[in-house]
PDB file of N, CA and C in Angstrom:
ATOM      1  N   GLN A   1       0.843  -1.185   0.000  1.00  0.00           N
ATOM      2  CA  GLN A   1       0.000   0.000   0.000  1.00  0.00           C
ATOM      3  C   GLN A   1       0.883   1.241   0.000  1.00  0.00           C
ATOM      4  N   VAL A   2       0.496   2.228  -0.756  1.00  0.00           N
ATOM      5  CA  VAL A   2       1.233   3.483  -0.854  1.00  0.00           C
ATOM      6  C   VAL A   2       0.395   4.604  -0.248  1.00  0.00           C
ATOM      7  N   GLN A   3       1.015   5.408   0.569  1.00  0.00           N
ATOM      8  CA  GLN A   3       0.343   6.583   1.119  1.00  0.00           C
ATOM      9  C   GLN A   3       1.046   7.835   0.630  1.00  0.00           C
ATOM     10  N   LEU A   4       0.250   8.849   0.320  1.00  0.00           N
ATOM     11  CA  LEU A   4       0.773  10.088  -0.225  1.00  0.00           C
ATOM     12  C   LEU A   4       0.384  11.263   0.668  1.00  0.00           C
ATOM     13  N   VAL A   5       1.315  12.175   0.846  1.00  0.00           N
ATOM     14  CA  VAL A   5       1.041  13.374   1.628  1.00  0.00           C
ATOM     15  C   VAL A   5       1.519  14.579   0.836  1.00  0.00           C
ATOM     16  N   GLU A   6       0.597  15.449   0.451  1.00  0.00           N
ATOM     17  CA  GLU A   6       0.948  16.676  -0.270  1.00  0.00           C
ATOM     18  C   GLU A   6       1.205  17.800   0.722  1.00  0.00           C
ATOM     19  N   SER A   7       2.027  18.734   0.302  1.00  0.00           N
ATOM     20  CA  SER A   7       2.302  19.923   1.097  1.00  0.00           C
ATOM     21  C   SER A   7       2.740  21.041   0.160  1.00  0.00           C
ATOM     22  N   GLY A   8       2.816  22.242   0.712  1.00  0.00           N
ATOM     23  CA  GLY A   8       3.330  23.360  -0.063  1.00  0.00           C
ATOM     24  C   GLY A   8       2.273  24.326  -0.569  1.00  0.00           C
ATOM     25  N   GLY A   9       1.012  23.994  -0.371  1.00  0.00           N
ATOM     26  CA  GLY A   9      -0.037  24.906  -0.813  1.00  0.00           C
ATOM     27  C   GLY A   9      -0.111  26.142   0.070  1.00  0.00           C
ATOM     28  N   GLY A  10      -0.918  27.100  -0.342  1.00  0.00           N
ATOM     29  CA  GLY A  10      -1.076  28.309   0.448  1.00  0.00           C
ATOM     30  C   GLY A  10      -1.782  29.393  -0.322  1.00  0.00           C
ATOM     31  N   LEU A  11      -1.771  30.579   0.258  1.00  0.00           N
ATOM     32  CA  LEU A  11      -2.377  31.759  -0.353  1.00  0.00           C
ATOM     33  C   LEU A  11      -1.272  32.590  -0.981  1.00  0.00           C
ATOM     34  N   VAL A  12      -1.432  32.914  -2.245  1.00  0.00           N
ATOM     35  CA  VAL A  12      -0.403  33.662  -2.956  1.00  0.00           C
ATOM     36  C   VAL A  12      -1.070  34.672  -3.890  1.00  0.00           C
ATOM     37  N   GLN A  13      -0.402  35.760  -4.142  1.00  0.00           N
ATOM     38  CA  GLN A  13      -0.925  36.756  -5.069  1.00  0.00           C
ATOM     39  C   GLN A  13      -0.711  36.310  -6.508  1.00  0.00           C
ATOM     40  N   ALA A  14      -1.553  36.805  -7.377  1.00  0.00           N
ATOM     41  CA  ALA A  14      -1.397  36.511  -8.796  1.00  0.00           C
ATOM     42  C   ALA A  14       0.005  36.898  -9.253  1.00  0.00           C
ATOM     43  N   GLY A  15       0.589  36.027 -10.049  1.00  0.00           N
ATOM     44  CA  GLY A  15       1.958  36.229 -10.507  1.00  0.00           C
ATOM     45  C   GLY A  15       2.990  35.549  -9.643  1.00  0.00           C
ATOM     46  N   GLY A  16       2.564  35.076  -8.494  1.00  0.00           N
ATOM     47  CA  GLY A  16       3.479  34.439  -7.566  1.00  0.00           C
ATOM     48  C   GLY A  16       3.758  32.988  -7.913  1.00  0.00           C
ATOM     49  N   SER A  17       4.513  32.333  -7.032  1.00  0.00           N
ATOM     50  CA  SER A  17       4.919  30.953  -7.266  1.00  0.00           C
ATOM     51  C   SER A  17       4.759  30.118  -6.006  1.00  0.00           C
ATOM     52  N   LEU A  18       4.610  28.844  -6.225  1.00  0.00           N
ATOM     53  CA  LEU A  18       4.574  27.876  -5.138  1.00  0.00           C
ATOM     54  C   LEU A  18       5.246  26.597  -5.613  1.00  0.00           C
ATOM     55  N   ARG A  19       5.731  25.831  -4.662  1.00  0.00           N
ATOM     56  CA  ARG A  19       6.261  24.512  -4.976  1.00  0.00           C
ATOM     57  C   ARG A  19       5.523  23.484  -4.140  1.00  0.00           C
ATOM     58  N   LEU A  20       4.755  22.659  -4.810  1.00  0.00           N
ATOM     59  CA  LEU A  20       4.022  21.611  -4.124  1.00  0.00           C
ATOM     60  C   LEU A  20       4.883  20.354  -4.053  1.00  0.00           C
ATOM     61  N   SER A  21       4.778  19.655  -2.943  1.00  0.00           N
ATOM     62  CA  SER A  21       5.505  18.402  -2.768  1.00  0.00           C
ATOM     63  C   SER A  21       4.522  17.281  -2.482  1.00  0.00           C
ATOM     64  N   CYS A  22       4.921  16.089  -2.851  1.00  0.00           N
ATOM     65  CA  CYS A  22       4.108  14.902  -2.600  1.00  0.00           C
ATOM     66  C   CYS A  22       5.049  13.812  -2.120  1.00  0.00           C
ATOM     67  N   ALA A  23       4.987  13.509  -0.839  1.00  0.00           N
ATOM     68  CA  ALA A  23       5.851  12.487  -0.255  1.00  0.00           C
ATOM     69  C   ALA A  23       5.108  11.159  -0.215  1.00  0.00           C
ATOM     70  N   ALA A  24       5.776  10.119  -0.681  1.00  0.00           N
ATOM     71  CA  ALA A  24       5.144   8.800  -0.758  1.00  0.00           C
ATOM     72  C   ALA A  24       5.819   7.806   0.164  1.00  0.00           C
ATOM     73  N   SER A  25       5.026   6.959   0.755  1.00  0.00           N
ATOM     74  CA  SER A  25       5.566   5.855   1.554  1.00  0.00           C
ATOM     75  C   SER A  25       5.706   4.628   0.665  1.00  0.00           C
ATOM     76  N   GLY A  26       6.423   3.641   1.138  1.00  0.00           N
ATOM     77  CA  GLY A  26       6.537   2.404   0.378  1.00  0.00           C
ATOM     78  C   GLY A  26       7.769   2.374  -0.493  1.00  0.00           C
ATOM     79  N   ARG A  27       8.038   1.190  -1.035  1.00  0.00           N
ATOM     80  CA  ARG A  27       9.261   0.984  -1.795  1.00  0.00           C
ATOM     81  C   ARG A  27       9.042   0.982  -3.290  1.00  0.00           C
ATOM     82  N   THR A  28       7.827   1.236  -3.727  1.00  0.00           N
ATOM     83  CA  THR A  28       7.533   1.093  -5.144  1.00  0.00           C
ATOM     84  C   THR A  28       7.465   2.418  -5.886  1.00  0.00           C
ATOM     85  N   PHE A  29       7.832   3.503  -5.254  1.00  0.00           N
ATOM     86  CA  PHE A  29       7.670   4.837  -5.838  1.00  0.00           C
ATOM     87  C   PHE A  29       8.291   4.924  -7.220  1.00  0.00           C
ATOM     88  N   SER A  30       9.490   4.423  -7.378  1.00  0.00           N
ATOM     89  CA  SER A  30      10.200   4.566  -8.651  1.00  0.00           C
ATOM     90  C   SER A  30       9.568   3.768  -9.779  1.00  0.00           C
ATOM     91  N   THR A  31       8.674   2.853  -9.460  1.00  0.00           N
ATOM     92  CA  THR A  31       8.022   2.041 -10.484  1.00  0.00           C
ATOM     93  C   THR A  31       6.675   2.609 -10.911  1.00  0.00           C
ATOM     94  N   LEU A  32       6.294   3.737 -10.349  1.00  0.00           N
ATOM     95  CA  LEU A  32       4.970   4.304 -10.577  1.00  0.00           C
ATOM     96  C   LEU A  32       5.027   5.628 -11.332  1.00  0.00           C
ATOM     97  N   ASN A  33       4.041   5.838 -12.179  1.00  0.00           N
ATOM     98  CA  ASN A  33       3.865   7.137 -12.814  1.00  0.00           C
ATOM     99  C   ASN A  33       3.237   8.098 -11.804  1.00  0.00           C
ATOM    100  N   ILE A  34       3.529   9.372 -11.959  1.00  0.00           N
ATOM    101  CA  ILE A  34       2.992  10.386 -11.054  1.00  0.00           C
ATOM    102  C   ILE A  34       2.090  11.339 -11.830  1.00  0.00           C
ATOM    103  N   GLY A  35       0.981  11.663 -11.218  1.00  0.00           N
ATOM    104  CA  GLY A  35       0.089  12.651 -11.812  1.00  0.00           C
ATOM    105  C   GLY A  35      -0.281  13.702 -10.785  1.00  0.00           C
ATOM    106  N   TRP A  36      -0.474  14.903 -11.254  1.00  0.00           N
ATOM    107  CA  TRP A  36      -1.038  15.977 -10.428  1.00  0.00           C
ATOM    108  C   TRP A  36      -2.388  16.360 -11.041  1.00  0.00           C
ATOM    109  N   PHE A  37      -3.374  16.483 -10.183  1.00  0.00           N
ATOM    110  CA  PHE A  37      -4.709  16.891 -10.582  1.00  0.00           C
ATOM    111  C   PHE A  37      -5.137  18.048  -9.687  1.00  0.00           C
ATOM    112  N   ARG A  38      -6.196  18.728 -10.096  1.00  0.00           N
ATOM    113  CA  ARG A  38      -6.715  19.805  -9.246  1.00  0.00           C
ATOM    114  C   ARG A  38      -8.232  19.863  -9.363  1.00  0.00           C
ATOM    115  N   GLN A  39      -8.825  20.381  -8.312  1.00  0.00           N
ATOM    116  CA  GLN A  39     -10.281  20.535  -8.300  1.00  0.00           C
ATOM    117  C   GLN A  39     -10.622  21.906  -7.742  1.00  0.00           C
ATOM    118  N   ALA A  40     -11.221  22.715  -8.581  1.00  0.00           N
ATOM    119  CA  ALA A  40     -11.657  24.048  -8.178  1.00  0.00           C
ATOM    120  C   ALA A  40     -13.061  23.948  -7.595  1.00  0.00           C
ATOM    121  N   PRO A  41     -13.464  24.919  -6.801  1.00  0.00           N
ATOM    122  CA  PRO A  41     -14.798  24.890  -6.201  1.00  0.00           C
ATOM    123  C   PRO A  41     -15.886  24.790  -7.254  1.00  0.00           C
ATOM    124  N   GLY A  42     -16.772  23.828  -7.062  1.00  0.00           N
ATOM    125  CA  GLY A  42     -17.887  23.662  -7.976  1.00  0.00           C
ATOM    126  C   GLY A  42     -17.547  23.018  -9.303  1.00  0.00           C
ATOM    127  N   LYS A  43     -16.312  22.561  -9.448  1.00  0.00           N
ATOM    128  CA  LYS A  43     -15.885  21.958 -10.719  1.00  0.00           C
ATOM    129  C   LYS A  43     -15.383  20.539 -10.487  1.00  0.00           C
ATOM    130  N   GLU A  44     -15.283  19.801 -11.566  1.00  0.00           N
ATOM    131  CA  GLU A  44     -14.757  18.455 -11.474  1.00  0.00           C
ATOM    132  C   GLU A  44     -13.237  18.492 -11.388  1.00  0.00           C
ATOM    133  N   ARG A  45     -12.705  17.432 -10.836  1.00  0.00           N
ATOM    134  CA  ARG A  45     -11.251  17.322 -10.755  1.00  0.00           C
ATOM    135  C   ARG A  45     -10.687  17.148 -12.160  1.00  0.00           C
ATOM    136  N   GLU A  46      -9.571  17.835 -12.425  1.00  0.00           N
ATOM    137  CA  GLU A  46      -9.000  17.815 -13.767  1.00  0.00           C
ATOM    138  C   GLU A  46      -7.507  17.532 -13.719  1.00  0.00           C
ATOM    139  N   PHE A  47      -7.034  16.982 -14.808  1.00  0.00           N
ATOM    140  CA  PHE A  47      -5.621  16.666 -14.960  1.00  0.00           C
ATOM    141  C   PHE A  47      -4.794  17.933 -15.071  1.00  0.00           C
ATOM    142  N   VAL A  48      -3.614  17.908 -14.458  1.00  0.00           N
ATOM    143  CA  VAL A  48      -2.684  19.040 -14.548  1.00  0.00           C
ATOM    144  C   VAL A  48      -1.386  18.627 -15.245  1.00  0.00           C
ATOM    145  N   ALA A  49      -0.755  17.561 -14.740  1.00  0.00           N
ATOM    146  CA  ALA A  49       0.535  17.145 -15.305  1.00  0.00           C
ATOM    147  C   ALA A  49       0.837  15.714 -14.883  1.00  0.00           C
ATOM    148  N   THR A  50       1.728  15.094 -15.637  1.00  0.00           N
ATOM    149  CA  THR A  50       2.171  13.758 -15.278  1.00  0.00           C
ATOM    150  C   THR A  50       3.630  13.573 -15.659  1.00  0.00           C
ATOM    151  N   ILE A  51       4.288  12.665 -14.973  1.00  0.00           N
ATOM    152  CA  ILE A  51       5.677  12.336 -15.258  1.00  0.00           C
ATOM    153  C   ILE A  51       5.836  10.825 -15.144  1.00  0.00           C
ATOM    154  N   GLY A  52       6.582  10.249 -16.067  1.00  0.00           N
ATOM    155  CA  GLY A  52       6.780   8.817 -16.084  1.00  0.00           C
ATOM    156  C   GLY A  52       7.750   8.340 -15.018  1.00  0.00           C
ATOM    157  N   ARG A  53       7.923   7.026 -14.973  1.00  0.00           N
ATOM    158  CA  ARG A  53       8.719   6.410 -13.912  1.00  0.00           C
ATOM    159  C   ARG A  53      10.131   6.960 -13.835  1.00  0.00           C
ATOM    160  N   SER A  54      10.776   7.086 -14.970  1.00  0.00           N
ATOM    161  CA  SER A  54      12.168   7.530 -14.994  1.00  0.00           C
ATOM    162  C   SER A  54      12.302   9.040 -15.006  1.00  0.00           C
ATOM    163  N   GLY A  55      11.199   9.719 -15.169  1.00  0.00           N
ATOM    164  CA  GLY A  55      11.238  11.173 -15.230  1.00  0.00           C
ATOM    165  C   GLY A  55      11.486  11.717 -16.620  1.00  0.00           C
ATOM    166  N   GLY A  56      11.600  10.830 -17.600  1.00  0.00           N
ATOM    167  CA  GLY A  56      11.920  11.292 -18.936  1.00  0.00           C
ATOM    168  C   GLY A  56      10.739  11.837 -19.721  1.00  0.00           C
ATOM    169  N   ASN A  57       9.544  11.395 -19.408  1.00  0.00           N
ATOM    170  CA  ASN A  57       8.354  11.827 -20.142  1.00  0.00           C
ATOM    171  C   ASN A  57       7.452  12.657 -19.254  1.00  0.00           C
ATOM    172  N   THR A  58       7.122  13.841 -19.709  1.00  0.00           N
ATOM    173  CA  THR A  58       6.206  14.704 -18.978  1.00  0.00           C
ATOM    174  C   THR A  58       5.138  15.221 -19.925  1.00  0.00           C
ATOM    175  N   TYR A  59       3.944  15.398 -19.384  1.00  0.00           N
ATOM    176  CA  TYR A  59       2.829  15.930 -20.163  1.00  0.00           C
ATOM    177  C   TYR A  59       2.070  16.914 -19.288  1.00  0.00           C
ATOM    178  N   TYR A  60       1.532  17.950 -19.909  1.00  0.00           N
ATOM    179  CA  TYR A  60       0.863  19.012 -19.165  1.00  0.00           C
ATOM    180  C   TYR A  60      -0.482  19.354 -19.785  1.00  0.00           C
ATOM    181  N   ARG A  61      -1.333  19.843 -18.923  1.00  0.00           N
ATOM    182  CA  ARG A  61      -2.557  20.464 -19.393  1.00  0.00           C
ATOM    183  C   ARG A  61      -2.170  21.722 -20.153  1.00  0.00           C
ATOM    184  N   GLY A  62      -2.892  22.014 -21.210  1.00  0.00           N
ATOM    185  CA  GLY A  62      -2.518  23.135 -22.054  1.00  0.00           C
ATOM    186  C   GLY A  62      -2.437  24.453 -21.321  1.00  0.00           C
ATOM    187  N   SER A  63      -3.360  24.690 -20.409  1.00  0.00           N
ATOM    188  CA  SER A  63      -3.429  25.992 -19.740  1.00  0.00           C
ATOM    189  C   SER A  63      -2.299  26.213 -18.738  1.00  0.00           C
ATOM    190  N   VAL A  64      -1.561  25.151 -18.404  1.00  0.00           N
ATOM    191  CA  VAL A  64      -0.474  25.308 -17.431  1.00  0.00           C
ATOM    192  C   VAL A  64       0.897  25.114 -18.069  1.00  0.00           C
ATOM    193  N   ARG A  65       0.906  24.664 -19.303  1.00  0.00           N
ATOM    194  CA  ARG A  65       2.196  24.405 -19.955  1.00  0.00           C
ATOM    195  C   ARG A  65       3.006  25.673 -20.029  1.00  0.00           C
ATOM    196  N   GLY A  66       4.273  25.576 -19.628  1.00  0.00           N
ATOM    197  CA  GLY A  66       5.145  26.741 -19.609  1.00  0.00           C
ATOM    198  C   GLY A  66       5.152  27.466 -18.279  1.00  0.00           C
ATOM    199  N   ARG A  67       4.143  27.200 -17.440  1.00  0.00           N
ATOM    200  CA  ARG A  67       4.095  27.828 -16.110  1.00  0.00           C
ATOM    201  C   ARG A  67       4.328  26.805 -15.001  1.00  0.00           C
ATOM    202  N   PHE A  68       3.930  25.574 -15.240  1.00  0.00           N
ATOM    203  CA  PHE A  68       4.056  24.509 -14.240  1.00  0.00           C
ATOM    204  C   PHE A  68       5.157  23.547 -14.671  1.00  0.00           C
ATOM    205  N   THR A  69       5.872  23.012 -13.704  1.00  0.00           N
ATOM    206  CA  THR A  69       6.899  22.005 -13.978  1.00  0.00           C
ATOM    207  C   THR A  69       6.756  20.857 -13.004  1.00  0.00           C
ATOM    208  N   ILE A  70       6.585  19.665 -13.541  1.00  0.00           N
ATOM    209  CA  ILE A  70       6.496  18.469 -12.706  1.00  0.00           C
ATOM    210  C   ILE A  70       7.852  17.786 -12.676  1.00  0.00           C
ATOM    211  N   SER A  71       8.208  17.271 -11.528  1.00  0.00           N
ATOM    212  CA  SER A  71       9.484  16.564 -11.400  1.00  0.00           C
ATOM    213  C   SER A  71       9.359  15.508 -10.303  1.00  0.00           C
ATOM    214  N   ARG A  72      10.365  14.686 -10.198  1.00  0.00           N
ATOM    215  CA  ARG A  72      10.358  13.649  -9.175  1.00  0.00           C
ATOM    216  C   ARG A  72      11.777  13.370  -8.707  1.00  0.00           C
ATOM    217  N   ASP A  73      11.905  12.930  -7.478  1.00  0.00           N
ATOM    218  CA  ASP A  73      13.170  12.495  -6.914  1.00  0.00           C
ATOM    219  C   ASP A  73      12.936  11.112  -6.349  1.00  0.00           C
ATOM    220  N   ASN A  74      13.301  10.107  -7.111  1.00  0.00           N
ATOM    221  CA  ASN A  74      13.025   8.733  -6.691  1.00  0.00           C
ATOM    222  C   ASN A  74      13.806   8.343  -5.439  1.00  0.00           C
ATOM    223  N   ALA A  75      14.951   8.953  -5.225  1.00  0.00           N
ATOM    224  CA  ALA A  75      15.733   8.648  -4.025  1.00  0.00           C
ATOM    225  C   ALA A  75      15.033   9.136  -2.764  1.00  0.00           C
ATOM    226  N   LYS A  76      14.202  10.165  -2.921  1.00  0.00           N
ATOM    227  CA  LYS A  76      13.490  10.728  -1.773  1.00  0.00           C
ATOM    228  C   LYS A  76      12.012  10.338  -1.755  1.00  0.00           C
ATOM    229  N   ASN A  77      11.602   9.528  -2.720  1.00  0.00           N
ATOM    230  CA  ASN A  77      10.183   9.144  -2.808  1.00  0.00           C
ATOM    231  C   ASN A  77       9.278  10.373  -2.815  1.00  0.00           C
ATOM    232  N   THR A  78       9.668  11.384  -3.562  1.00  0.00           N
ATOM    233  CA  THR A  78       8.930  12.646  -3.549  1.00  0.00           C
ATOM    234  C   THR A  78       8.716  13.160  -4.964  1.00  0.00           C
ATOM    235  N   ALA A  79       7.523  13.670  -5.177  1.00  0.00           N
ATOM    236  CA  ALA A  79       7.189  14.338  -6.434  1.00  0.00           C
ATOM    237  C   ALA A  79       6.978  15.818  -6.161  1.00  0.00           C
ATOM    238  N   TYR A  80       7.188  16.616  -7.196  1.00  0.00           N
ATOM    239  CA  TYR A  80       7.065  18.064  -7.040  1.00  0.00           C
ATOM    240  C   TYR A  80       6.239  18.649  -8.180  1.00  0.00           C
ATOM    241  N   LEU A  81       5.597  19.757  -7.874  1.00  0.00           N
ATOM    242  CA  LEU A  81       4.947  20.545  -8.912  1.00  0.00           C
ATOM    243  C   LEU A  81       5.297  21.997  -8.636  1.00  0.00           C
ATOM    244  N   GLU A  82       6.160  22.523  -9.490  1.00  0.00           N
ATOM    245  CA  GLU A  82       6.547  23.928  -9.391  1.00  0.00           C
ATOM    246  C   GLU A  82       5.533  24.728 -10.198  1.00  0.00           C
ATOM    247  N   ILE A  83       4.893  25.682  -9.531  1.00  0.00           N
ATOM    248  CA  ILE A  83       3.863  26.447 -10.224  1.00  0.00           C
ATOM    249  C   ILE A  83       4.232  27.921 -10.176  1.00  0.00           C
ATOM    250  N   ASN A  84       4.360  28.525 -11.341  1.00  0.00           N
ATOM    251  CA  ASN A  84       4.784  29.909 -11.489  1.00  0.00           C
ATOM    252  C   ASN A  84       3.704  30.729 -12.204  1.00  0.00           C
ATOM    253  N   SER A  85       3.875  32.034 -12.143  1.00  0.00           N
ATOM    254  CA  SER A  85       2.941  32.949 -12.820  1.00  0.00           C
ATOM    255  C   SER A  85       1.500  32.575 -12.509  1.00  0.00           C
ATOM    256  N   LEU A  86       1.237  32.386 -11.227  1.00  0.00           N
ATOM    257  CA  LEU A  86      -0.080  31.914 -10.823  1.00  0.00           C
ATOM    258  C   LEU A  86      -1.176  32.905 -11.191  1.00  0.00           C
ATOM    259  N   LYS A  87      -2.321  32.347 -11.545  1.00  0.00           N
ATOM    260  CA  LYS A  87      -3.493  33.120 -11.912  1.00  0.00           C
ATOM    261  C   LYS A  87      -4.642  32.757 -10.969  1.00  0.00           C
ATOM    262  N   PRO A  88      -5.591  33.647 -10.802  1.00  0.00           N
ATOM    263  CA  PRO A  88      -6.740  33.313  -9.932  1.00  0.00           C
ATOM    264  C   PRO A  88      -7.429  32.018 -10.347  1.00  0.00           C
ATOM    265  N   GLU A  89      -7.438  31.730 -11.623  1.00  0.00           N
ATOM    266  CA  GLU A  89      -8.105  30.507 -12.085  1.00  0.00           C
ATOM    267  C   GLU A  89      -7.321  29.243 -11.748  1.00  0.00           C
ATOM    268  N   ASP A  90      -6.135  29.383 -11.200  1.00  0.00           N
ATOM    269  CA  ASP A  90      -5.384  28.224 -10.713  1.00  0.00           C
ATOM    270  C   ASP A  90      -5.808  27.822  -9.307  1.00  0.00           C
ATOM    271  N   THR A  91      -6.677  28.630  -8.702  1.00  0.00           N
ATOM    272  CA  THR A  91      -7.159  28.309  -7.353  1.00  0.00           C
ATOM    273  C   THR A  91      -7.880  26.973  -7.358  1.00  0.00           C
ATOM    274  N   ALA A  92      -7.431  26.071  -6.483  1.00  0.00           N
ATOM    275  CA  ALA A  92      -7.993  24.719  -6.442  1.00  0.00           C
ATOM    276  C   ALA A  92      -7.312  23.931  -5.340  1.00  0.00           C
ATOM    277  N   VAL A  93      -7.871  22.775  -5.060  1.00  0.00           N
ATOM    278  CA  VAL A  93      -7.169  21.782  -4.251  1.00  0.00           C
ATOM    279  C   VAL A  93      -6.362  20.930  -5.212  1.00  0.00           C
ATOM    280  N   TYR A  94      -5.077  20.812  -4.952  1.00  0.00           N
ATOM    281  CA  TYR A  94      -4.180  20.060  -5.827  1.00  0.00           C
ATOM    282  C   TYR A  94      -3.897  18.698  -5.203  1.00  0.00           C
ATOM    283  N   TYR A  95      -4.042  17.663  -6.025  1.00  0.00           N
ATOM    284  CA  TYR A  95      -3.851  16.286  -5.578  1.00  0.00           C
ATOM    285  C   TYR A  95      -2.715  15.643  -6.366  1.00  0.00           C
ATOM    286  N   CYS A  96      -1.911  14.868  -5.696  1.00  0.00           N
ATOM    287  CA  CYS A  96      -0.974  14.014  -6.424  1.00  0.00           C
ATOM    288  C   CYS A  96      -1.506  12.594  -6.415  1.00  0.00           C
ATOM    289  N   ALA A  97      -1.101  11.850  -7.413  1.00  0.00           N
ATOM    290  CA  ALA A  97      -1.574  10.477  -7.564  1.00  0.00           C
ATOM    291  C   ALA A  97      -0.475   9.636  -8.188  1.00  0.00           C
ATOM    292  N   LEU A  98      -0.468   8.370  -7.879  1.00  0.00           N
ATOM    293  CA  LEU A  98       0.498   7.435  -8.446  1.00  0.00           C
ATOM    294  C   LEU A  98      -0.243   6.313  -9.160  1.00  0.00           C
ATOM    295  N   GLY A  99       0.324   5.858 -10.268  1.00  0.00           N
ATOM    296  CA  GLY A  99      -0.302   4.786 -11.006  1.00  0.00           C
ATOM    297  C   GLY A  99       0.718   3.811 -11.557  1.00  0.00           C
ATOM    298  N   ARG A 100       0.347   2.545 -11.606  1.00  0.00           N
ATOM    299  CA  ARG A 100       1.263   1.510 -12.099  1.00  0.00           C
ATOM    300  C   ARG A 100       1.500   1.653 -13.595  1.00  0.00           C
ATOM    301  N   GLU A 101       0.480   2.037 -14.315  1.00  0.00           N
ATOM    302  CA  GLU A 101       0.621   2.222 -15.750  1.00  0.00           C
ATOM    303  C   GLU A 101      -0.524   3.101 -16.226  1.00  0.00           C
ATOM    304  N   TYR A 102      -0.362   3.677 -17.433  1.00  0.00           N
ATOM    305  CA  TYR A 102      -1.419   4.489 -18.015  1.00  0.00           C
ATOM    306  C   TYR A 102      -2.419   3.540 -18.678  1.00  0.00           C
ATOM    307  N   ARG A 103      -3.267   2.944 -17.845  1.00  0.00           N
ATOM    308  CA  ARG A 103      -4.203   1.932 -18.351  1.00  0.00           C
ATOM    309  C   ARG A 103      -5.201   2.537 -19.340  1.00  0.00           C
ATOM    310  N   TYR A 104      -5.558   3.762 -19.120  1.00  0.00           N
ATOM    311  CA  TYR A 104      -6.486   4.454 -20.014  1.00  0.00           C
ATOM    312  C   TYR A 104      -5.707   5.511 -20.781  1.00  0.00           C
ATOM    313  N   THR A 105      -5.654   6.705 -20.297  1.00  0.00           N
ATOM    314  CA  THR A 105      -4.792   7.740 -20.862  1.00  0.00           C
ATOM    315  C   THR A 105      -4.007   8.349 -19.704  1.00  0.00           C
ATOM    316  N   TYR A 106      -2.980   9.093 -20.020  1.00  0.00           N
ATOM    317  CA  TYR A 106      -2.180   9.675 -18.938  1.00  0.00           C
ATOM    318  C   TYR A 106      -2.958  10.747 -18.180  1.00  0.00           C
ATOM    319  N   TYR A 107      -4.020  11.279 -18.787  1.00  0.00           N
ATOM    320  CA  TYR A 107      -4.784  12.336 -18.141  1.00  0.00           C
ATOM    321  C   TYR A 107      -6.070  11.817 -17.493  1.00  0.00           C
ATOM    322  N   SER A 108      -6.313  10.525 -17.560  1.00  0.00           N
ATOM    323  CA  SER A 108      -7.493   9.932 -16.941  1.00  0.00           C
ATOM    324  C   SER A 108      -7.228   9.598 -15.481  1.00  0.00           C
ATOM    325  N   GLN A 109      -8.148   9.987 -14.610  1.00  0.00           N
ATOM    326  CA  GLN A 109      -7.998   9.669 -13.193  1.00  0.00           C
ATOM    327  C   GLN A 109      -7.993   8.152 -12.979  1.00  0.00           C
ATOM    328  N   ARG A 110      -8.608   7.419 -13.864  1.00  0.00           N
ATOM    329  CA  ARG A 110      -8.666   5.968 -13.740  1.00  0.00           C
ATOM    330  C   ARG A 110      -7.313   5.295 -13.974  1.00  0.00           C
ATOM    331  N   SER A 111      -6.341   6.040 -14.444  1.00  0.00           N
ATOM    332  CA  SER A 111      -4.998   5.479 -14.640  1.00  0.00           C
ATOM    333  C   SER A 111      -4.154   5.542 -13.386  1.00  0.00           C
ATOM    334  N   TYR A 112      -4.714   6.071 -12.302  1.00  0.00           N
ATOM    335  CA  TYR A 112      -3.959   6.279 -11.064  1.00  0.00           C
ATOM    336  C   TYR A 112      -4.598   5.497  -9.923  1.00  0.00           C
ATOM    337  N   ASP A 113      -3.741   4.849  -9.152  1.00  0.00           N
ATOM    338  CA  ASP A 113      -4.207   3.919  -8.131  1.00  0.00           C
ATOM    339  C   ASP A 113      -4.180   4.476  -6.713  1.00  0.00           C
ATOM    340  N   TYR A 114      -3.311   5.419  -6.480  1.00  0.00           N
ATOM    341  CA  TYR A 114      -3.136   5.958  -5.130  1.00  0.00           C
ATOM    342  C   TYR A 114      -3.265   7.477  -5.183  1.00  0.00           C
ATOM    343  N   TRP A 115      -3.947   8.026  -4.172  1.00  0.00           N
ATOM    344  CA  TRP A 115      -4.227   9.465  -4.154  1.00  0.00           C
ATOM    345  C   TRP A 115      -3.887  10.056  -2.795  1.00  0.00           C
ATOM    346  N   GLY A 116      -3.416  11.296  -2.825  1.00  0.00           N
ATOM    347  CA  GLY A 116      -3.194  12.035  -1.599  1.00  0.00           C
ATOM    348  C   GLY A 116      -4.457  12.758  -1.173  1.00  0.00           C
ATOM    349  N   GLN A 117      -4.359  13.471  -0.063  1.00  0.00           N
ATOM    350  CA  GLN A 117      -5.524  14.146   0.491  1.00  0.00           C
ATOM    351  C   GLN A 117      -5.723  15.547  -0.085  1.00  0.00           C
ATOM    352  N   GLY A 118      -4.705  16.031  -0.776  1.00  0.00           N
ATOM    353  CA  GLY A 118      -4.823  17.332  -1.421  1.00  0.00           C
ATOM    354  C   GLY A 118      -4.227  18.462  -0.606  1.00  0.00           C
ATOM    355  N   THR A 119      -3.813  19.504  -1.309  1.00  0.00           N
ATOM    356  CA  THR A 119      -3.317  20.718  -0.673  1.00  0.00           C
ATOM    357  C   THR A 119      -3.942  21.916  -1.374  1.00  0.00           C
ATOM    358  N   GLN A 120      -4.394  22.874  -0.594  1.00  0.00           N
ATOM    359  CA  GLN A 120      -5.140  24.015  -1.142  1.00  0.00           C
ATOM    360  C   GLN A 120      -4.185  25.073  -1.690  1.00  0.00           C
ATOM    361  N   VAL A 121      -4.463  25.509  -2.901  1.00  0.00           N
ATOM    362  CA  VAL A 121      -3.765  26.645  -3.499  1.00  0.00           C
ATOM    363  C   VAL A 121      -4.808  27.716  -3.781  1.00  0.00           C
ATOM    364  N   THR A 122      -4.592  28.884  -3.224  1.00  0.00           N
ATOM    365  CA  THR A 122      -5.505  30.005  -3.426  1.00  0.00           C
ATOM    366  C   THR A 122      -4.721  31.184  -3.987  1.00  0.00           C
ATOM    367  N   VAL A 123      -5.173  31.683  -5.112  1.00  0.00           N
ATOM    368  CA  VAL A 123      -4.487  32.790  -5.780  1.00  0.00           C
ATOM    369  C   VAL A 123      -5.388  34.015  -5.739  1.00  0.00           C
ATOM    370  N   SER A 124      -4.906  35.068  -5.152  1.00  0.00           N
ATOM    371  CA  SER A 124      -5.681  36.298  -5.063  1.00  0.00           C
ATOM    372  C   SER A 124      -5.299  37.236  -6.202  1.00  0.00           C
ATOM    373  N   SER A 125      -6.272  37.987  -6.653  1.00  0.00           N
ATOM    374  CA  SER A 125      -6.026  38.908  -7.776  1.00  0.00           C
ATOM    375  C   SER A 125      -5.585  40.275  -7.288  1.00  0.00           C
TER     376      SER A 125
END
């Protein structure tokens, strides 16, 4: 069983930056794909970014490409999401997730087996 704990969220002004972290328990971290998702108030949870096991393949939601950077440190069992040039529309609870494989698509929540509890990001205008 894998447990995930996100951290790094907070209140930031538009244009600011945050670095979200996702610490995972267990020994299988390096064998799992990582995804970041977010859910804004009143909206469905949506895909943000993903990174493959080795860190060589990354994919982003169009609206965050160029502003967000996903990375991982397998030695520390930790994933990161660097978010820059924040906009009010980035306000959401951000979740990290791990998956054994992209069974559906890399942006489908069904491709991920383990989920964290989320960390709140609030961007003020």
